[in-house]
PDB file of N, CA and C in Angstrom:
ATOM      1  N   UNK A   1     118.489 104.798  92.264  1.00  0.00           N
ATOM      2  CA  UNK A   1     117.088 104.644  91.959  1.00  0.00           C
ATOM      3  C   UNK A   1     116.592 103.367  92.621  1.00  0.00           C
ATOM      4  N   UNK A   2     115.378 103.392  93.046  1.00  0.00           N
ATOM      5  CA  UNK A   2     114.786 102.269  93.758  1.00  0.00           C
ATOM      6  C   UNK A   2     113.436 101.933  93.148  1.00  0.00           C
ATOM      7  N   UNK A   3     112.823 100.897  93.609  1.00  0.00           N
ATOM      8  CA  UNK A   3     111.527 100.546  93.065  1.00  0.00           C
ATOM      9  C   UNK A   3     110.399 101.129  93.914  1.00  0.00           C
ATOM     10  N   UNK A   4     109.168 100.943  93.471  1.00  0.00           N
ATOM     11  CA  UNK A   4     108.017 101.568  94.137  1.00  0.00           C
ATOM     12  C   UNK A   4     107.818 101.032  95.551  1.00  0.00           C
ATOM     13  N   UNK A   5     108.070  99.756  95.764  1.00  0.00           N
ATOM     14  CA  UNK A   5     107.886  99.194  97.101  1.00  0.00           C
ATOM     15  C   UNK A   5     108.891  99.771  98.095  1.00  0.00           C
ATOM     16  N   UNK A   6     110.128  99.932  97.667  1.00  0.00           N
ATOM     17  CA  UNK A   6     111.135 100.536  98.553  1.00  0.00           C
ATOM     18  C   UNK A   6     110.804 102.001  98.826  1.00  0.00           C
ATOM     19  N   UNK A   7     110.262 102.712  97.839  1.00  0.00           N
ATOM     20  CA  UNK A   7     109.859 104.105  98.053  1.00  0.00           C
ATOM     21  C   UNK A   7     108.733 104.183  99.070  1.00  0.00           C
ATOM     22  N   UNK A   8     107.788 103.262  99.010  1.00  0.00           N
ATOM     23  CA  UNK A   8     106.687 103.245  99.984  1.00  0.00           C
ATOM     24  C   UNK A   8     107.224 102.969 101.380  1.00  0.00           C
ATOM     25  N   UNK A   9     108.173 102.062 101.496  1.00  0.00           N
ATOM     26  CA  UNK A   9     108.795 101.781 102.800  1.00  0.00           C
ATOM     27  C   UNK A   9     109.518 103.023 103.306  1.00  0.00           C
ATOM     28  N   UNK A  10     110.225 103.747 102.426  1.00  0.00           N
ATOM     29  CA  UNK A  10     110.907 104.973 102.831  1.00  0.00           C
ATOM     30  C   UNK A  10     109.927 106.003 103.350  1.00  0.00           C
ATOM     31  N   UNK A  11     108.779 106.129 102.699  1.00  0.00           N
ATOM     32  CA  UNK A  11     107.760 107.081 103.150  1.00  0.00           C
ATOM     33  C   UNK A  11     107.205 106.654 104.510  1.00  0.00           C
ATOM     34  N   UNK A  12     106.959 105.358 104.670  1.00  0.00           N
ATOM     35  CA  UNK A  12     106.421 104.856 105.942  1.00  0.00           C
ATOM     36  C   UNK A  12     107.422 105.035 107.079  1.00  0.00           C
ATOM     37  N   UNK A  13     108.698 104.848 106.788  1.00  0.00           N
ATOM     38  CA  UNK A  13     109.731 104.969 107.830  1.00  0.00           C
ATOM     39  C   UNK A  13     110.108 106.414 108.141  1.00  0.00           C
ATOM     40  N   UNK A  14     109.829 107.335 107.232  1.00  0.00           N
ATOM     41  CA  UNK A  14     110.191 108.745 107.402  1.00  0.00           C
ATOM     42  C   UNK A  14     108.994 109.638 107.121  1.00  0.00           C
ATOM     43  N   UNK A  15     107.983 109.583 107.976  1.00  0.00           N
ATOM     44  CA  UNK A  15     106.791 110.390 107.688  1.00  0.00           C
ATOM     45  C   UNK A  15     107.080 111.887 107.816  1.00  0.00           C
ATOM     46  N   UNK A  16     106.627 112.634 106.840  1.00  0.00           N
ATOM     47  CA  UNK A  16     106.725 114.089 106.862  1.00  0.00           C
ATOM     48  C   UNK A  16     105.299 114.605 106.766  1.00  0.00           C
ATOM     49  N   UNK A  17     104.787 115.089 107.890  1.00  0.00           N
ATOM     50  CA  UNK A  17     103.394 115.509 107.949  1.00  0.00           C
ATOM     51  C   UNK A  17     103.185 116.824 107.207  1.00  0.00           C
ATOM     52  N   UNK A  18     104.090 117.749 107.354  1.00  0.00           N
ATOM     53  CA  UNK A  18     103.973 119.064 106.722  1.00  0.00           C
ATOM     54  C   UNK A  18     104.914 119.117 105.528  1.00  0.00           C
ATOM     55  N   UNK A  19     104.519 118.486 104.423  1.00  0.00           N
ATOM     56  CA  UNK A  19     105.391 118.404 103.254  1.00  0.00           C
ATOM     57  C   UNK A  19     105.745 119.785 102.733  1.00  0.00           C
ATOM     58  N   UNK A  20     104.772 120.666 102.617  1.00  0.00           N
ATOM     59  CA  UNK A  20     105.038 121.993 102.072  1.00  0.00           C
ATOM     60  C   UNK A  20     106.024 122.751 102.937  1.00  0.00           C
ATOM     61  N   UNK A  21     105.892 122.689 104.233  1.00  0.00           N
ATOM     62  CA  UNK A  21     106.817 123.386 105.131  1.00  0.00           C
ATOM     63  C   UNK A  21     108.200 122.749 105.128  1.00  0.00           C
ATOM     64  N   UNK A  22     108.260 121.461 104.910  1.00  0.00           N
ATOM     65  CA  UNK A  22     109.537 120.752 104.925  1.00  0.00           C
ATOM     66  C   UNK A  22     110.362 121.039 103.671  1.00  0.00           C
ATOM     67  N   UNK A  23     109.707 121.268 102.542  1.00  0.00           N
ATOM     68  CA  UNK A  23     110.417 121.397 101.276  1.00  0.00           C
ATOM     69  C   UNK A  23     110.468 122.806 100.715  1.00  0.00           C
ATOM     70  N   UNK A  24     109.628 123.707 101.153  1.00  0.00           N
ATOM     71  CA  UNK A  24     109.641 125.052 100.587  1.00  0.00           C
ATOM     72  C   UNK A  24     109.566 126.086 101.696  1.00  0.00           C
ATOM     73  N   UNK A  25     110.000 127.270 101.385  1.00  0.00           N
ATOM     74  CA  UNK A  25     109.976 128.331 102.363  1.00  0.00           C
ATOM     75  C   UNK A  25     109.281 129.580 101.873  1.00  0.00           C
ATOM     76  N   UNK A  26     109.123 129.694 100.550  1.00  0.00           N
ATOM     77  CA  UNK A  26     108.490 130.882  99.987  1.00  0.00           C
ATOM     78  C   UNK A  26     107.046 130.583  99.627  1.00  0.00           C
ATOM     79  N   UNK A  27     106.224 131.593  99.619  1.00  0.00           N
ATOM     80  CA  UNK A  27     104.829 131.417  99.245  1.00  0.00           C
ATOM     81  C   UNK A  27     104.673 131.617  97.754  1.00  0.00           C
ATOM     82  N   UNK A  28     104.370 130.549  97.052  1.00  0.00           N
ATOM     83  CA  UNK A  28     104.117 130.598  95.625  1.00  0.00           C
ATOM     84  C   UNK A  28     102.908 129.718  95.347  1.00  0.00           C
ATOM     85  N   UNK A  29     102.303 129.929  94.214  1.00  0.00           N
ATOM     86  CA  UNK A  29     101.123 129.151  93.854  1.00  0.00           C
ATOM     87  C   UNK A  29     101.442 127.677  93.676  1.00  0.00           C
ATOM     88  N   UNK A  30     102.663 127.363  93.282  1.00  0.00           N
ATOM     89  CA  UNK A  30     103.028 125.974  93.009  1.00  0.00           C
ATOM     90  C   UNK A  30     103.734 125.291  94.171  1.00  0.00           C
ATOM     91  N   UNK A  31     103.736 125.868  95.351  1.00  0.00           N
ATOM     92  CA  UNK A  31     104.467 125.295  96.482  1.00  0.00           C
ATOM     93  C   UNK A  31     104.046 123.870  96.797  1.00  0.00           C
ATOM     94  N   UNK A  32     102.758 123.631  96.847  1.00  0.00           N
ATOM     95  CA  UNK A  32     102.292 122.307  97.260  1.00  0.00           C
ATOM     96  C   UNK A  32     102.696 121.265  96.230  1.00  0.00           C
ATOM     97  N   UNK A  33     102.484 121.550  94.948  1.00  0.00           N
ATOM     98  CA  UNK A  33     102.856 120.602  93.912  1.00  0.00           C
ATOM     99  C   UNK A  33     104.346 120.362  93.857  1.00  0.00           C
ATOM    100  N   UNK A  34     105.119 121.412  93.982  1.00  0.00           N
ATOM    101  CA  UNK A  34     106.579 121.291  93.971  1.00  0.00           C
ATOM    102  C   UNK A  34     107.060 120.511  95.183  1.00  0.00           C
ATOM    103  N   UNK A  35     106.481 120.765  96.334  1.00  0.00           N
ATOM    104  CA  UNK A  35     106.875 120.063  97.552  1.00  0.00           C
ATOM    105  C   UNK A  35     106.558 118.574  97.436  1.00  0.00           C
ATOM    106  N   UNK A  36     105.400 118.248  96.887  1.00  0.00           N
ATOM    107  CA  UNK A  36     105.044 116.844  96.717  1.00  0.00           C
ATOM    108  C   UNK A  36     105.990 116.162  95.736  1.00  0.00           C
ATOM    109  N   UNK A  37     106.340 116.841  94.655  1.00  0.00           N
ATOM    110  CA  UNK A  37     107.272 116.293  93.675  1.00  0.00           C
ATOM    111  C   UNK A  37     108.629 116.010  94.320  1.00  0.00           C
ATOM    112  N   UNK A  38     109.134 116.943  95.103  1.00  0.00           N
ATOM    113  CA  UNK A  38     110.417 116.756  95.773  1.00  0.00           C
ATOM    114  C   UNK A  38     110.343 115.616  96.791  1.00  0.00           C
ATOM    115  N   UNK A  39     109.219 115.502  97.494  1.00  0.00           N
ATOM    116  CA  UNK A  39     109.042 114.437  98.475  1.00  0.00           C
ATOM    117  C   UNK A  39     109.079 113.068  97.801  1.00  0.00           C
ATOM    118  N   UNK A  40     108.405 112.934  96.675  1.00  0.00           N
ATOM    119  CA  UNK A  40     108.390 111.659  95.959  1.00  0.00           C
ATOM    120  C   UNK A  40     109.788 111.334  95.429  1.00  0.00           C
ATOM    121  N   UNK A  41     110.492 112.337  94.906  1.00  0.00           N
ATOM    122  CA  UNK A  41     111.865 112.111  94.454  1.00  0.00           C
ATOM    123  C   UNK A  41     112.736 111.643  95.611  1.00  0.00           C
ATOM    124  N   UNK A  42     112.595 112.285  96.762  1.00  0.00           N
ATOM    125  CA  UNK A  42     113.381 111.897  97.932  1.00  0.00           C
ATOM    126  C   UNK A  42     113.006 110.497  98.414  1.00  0.00           C
ATOM    127  N   UNK A  43     111.741 110.127  98.280  1.00  0.00           N
ATOM    128  CA  UNK A  43     111.313 108.791  98.686  1.00  0.00           C
ATOM    129  C   UNK A  43     111.998 107.734  97.829  1.00  0.00           C
ATOM    130  N   UNK A  44     112.088 107.982  96.531  1.00  0.00           N
ATOM    131  CA  UNK A  44     112.744 107.027  95.648  1.00  0.00           C
ATOM    132  C   UNK A  44     114.253 107.014  95.853  1.00  0.00           C
ATOM    133  N   UNK A  45     114.832 108.134  96.223  1.00  0.00           N
ATOM    134  CA  UNK A  45     116.277 108.208  96.435  1.00  0.00           C
ATOM    135  C   UNK A  45     116.681 107.903  97.875  1.00  0.00           C
ATOM    136  N   UNK A  46     115.699 107.695  98.751  1.00  0.00           N
ATOM    137  CA  UNK A  46     115.934 107.445 100.175  1.00  0.00           C
ATOM    138  C   UNK A  46     116.710 108.591 100.814  1.00  0.00           C
ATOM    139  N   UNK A  47     116.312 109.821 100.500  1.00  0.00           N
ATOM    140  CA  UNK A  47     116.960 111.009 101.065  1.00  0.00           C
ATOM    141  C   UNK A  47     115.943 111.940 101.718  1.00  0.00           C
ATOM    142  N   UNK A  48     114.888 111.384 102.283  1.00  0.00           N
ATOM    143  CA  UNK A  48     113.838 112.213 102.882  1.00  0.00           C
ATOM    144  C   UNK A  48     114.383 113.045 104.037  1.00  0.00           C
ATOM    145  N   UNK A  49     115.174 112.440 104.900  1.00  0.00           N
ATOM    146  CA  UNK A  49     115.688 113.145 106.077  1.00  0.00           C
ATOM    147  C   UNK A  49     117.022 113.848 105.820  1.00  0.00           C
ATOM    148  N   UNK A  50     117.558 113.728 104.619  1.00  0.00           N
ATOM    149  CA  UNK A  50     118.851 114.333 104.288  1.00  0.00           C
ATOM    150  C   UNK A  50     118.707 115.853 104.170  1.00  0.00           C
ATOM    151  N   UNK A  51     119.583 116.594 104.825  1.00  0.00           N
ATOM    152  CA  UNK A  51     119.533 118.052 104.793  1.00  0.00           C
ATOM    153  C   UNK A  51     120.492 118.652 103.764  1.00  0.00           C
ATOM    154  N   UNK A  52     121.545 117.927 103.424  1.00  0.00           N
ATOM    155  CA  UNK A  52     122.574 118.422 102.501  1.00  0.00           C
ATOM    156  C   UNK A  52     122.077 118.347 101.065  1.00  0.00           C
ATOM    157  N   UNK A  53     121.961 119.491 100.402  1.00  0.00           N
ATOM    158  CA  UNK A  53     121.453 119.568  99.028  1.00  0.00           C
ATOM    159  C   UNK A  53     122.389 118.845  98.069  1.00  0.00           C
ATOM    160  N   UNK A  54     123.679 118.910  98.290  1.00  0.00           N
ATOM    161  CA  UNK A  54     124.638 118.234  97.419  1.00  0.00           C
ATOM    162  C   UNK A  54     124.428 116.724  97.427  1.00  0.00           C
ATOM    163  N   UNK A  55     124.147 116.173  98.588  1.00  0.00           N
ATOM    164  CA  UNK A  55     123.894 114.730  98.688  1.00  0.00           C
ATOM    165  C   UNK A  55     122.595 114.377  97.973  1.00  0.00           C
ATOM    166  N   UNK A  56     121.572 115.205  98.124  1.00  0.00           N
ATOM    167  CA  UNK A  56     120.292 114.950  97.470  1.00  0.00           C
ATOM    168  C   UNK A  56     120.403 115.001  95.956  1.00  0.00           C
ATOM    169  N   UNK A  57     121.253 115.867  95.429  1.00  0.00           N
ATOM    170  CA  UNK A  57     121.370 116.038  93.998  1.00  0.00           C
ATOM    171  C   UNK A  57     122.245 114.999  93.327  1.00  0.00           C
ATOM    172  N   UNK A  58     122.959 114.203  94.107  1.00  0.00           N
ATOM    173  CA  UNK A  58     123.838 113.197  93.489  1.00  0.00           C
ATOM    174  C   UNK A  58     123.175 111.861  93.381  1.00  0.00           C
TER     175      UNK A  58
END
């Protein structure tokens, strides 16, 4: 876990322009909200560019 300033730096260093496309693949009504939630979690965990789900979940 990290603090808010480190999360902001992670977002600045790893910009993801298409958050919904980066985090979801199916069309659902909640895709955008879910994608944003996952992006913020990844920003705090510094795993924005990580592709391995096991690493992200630990």
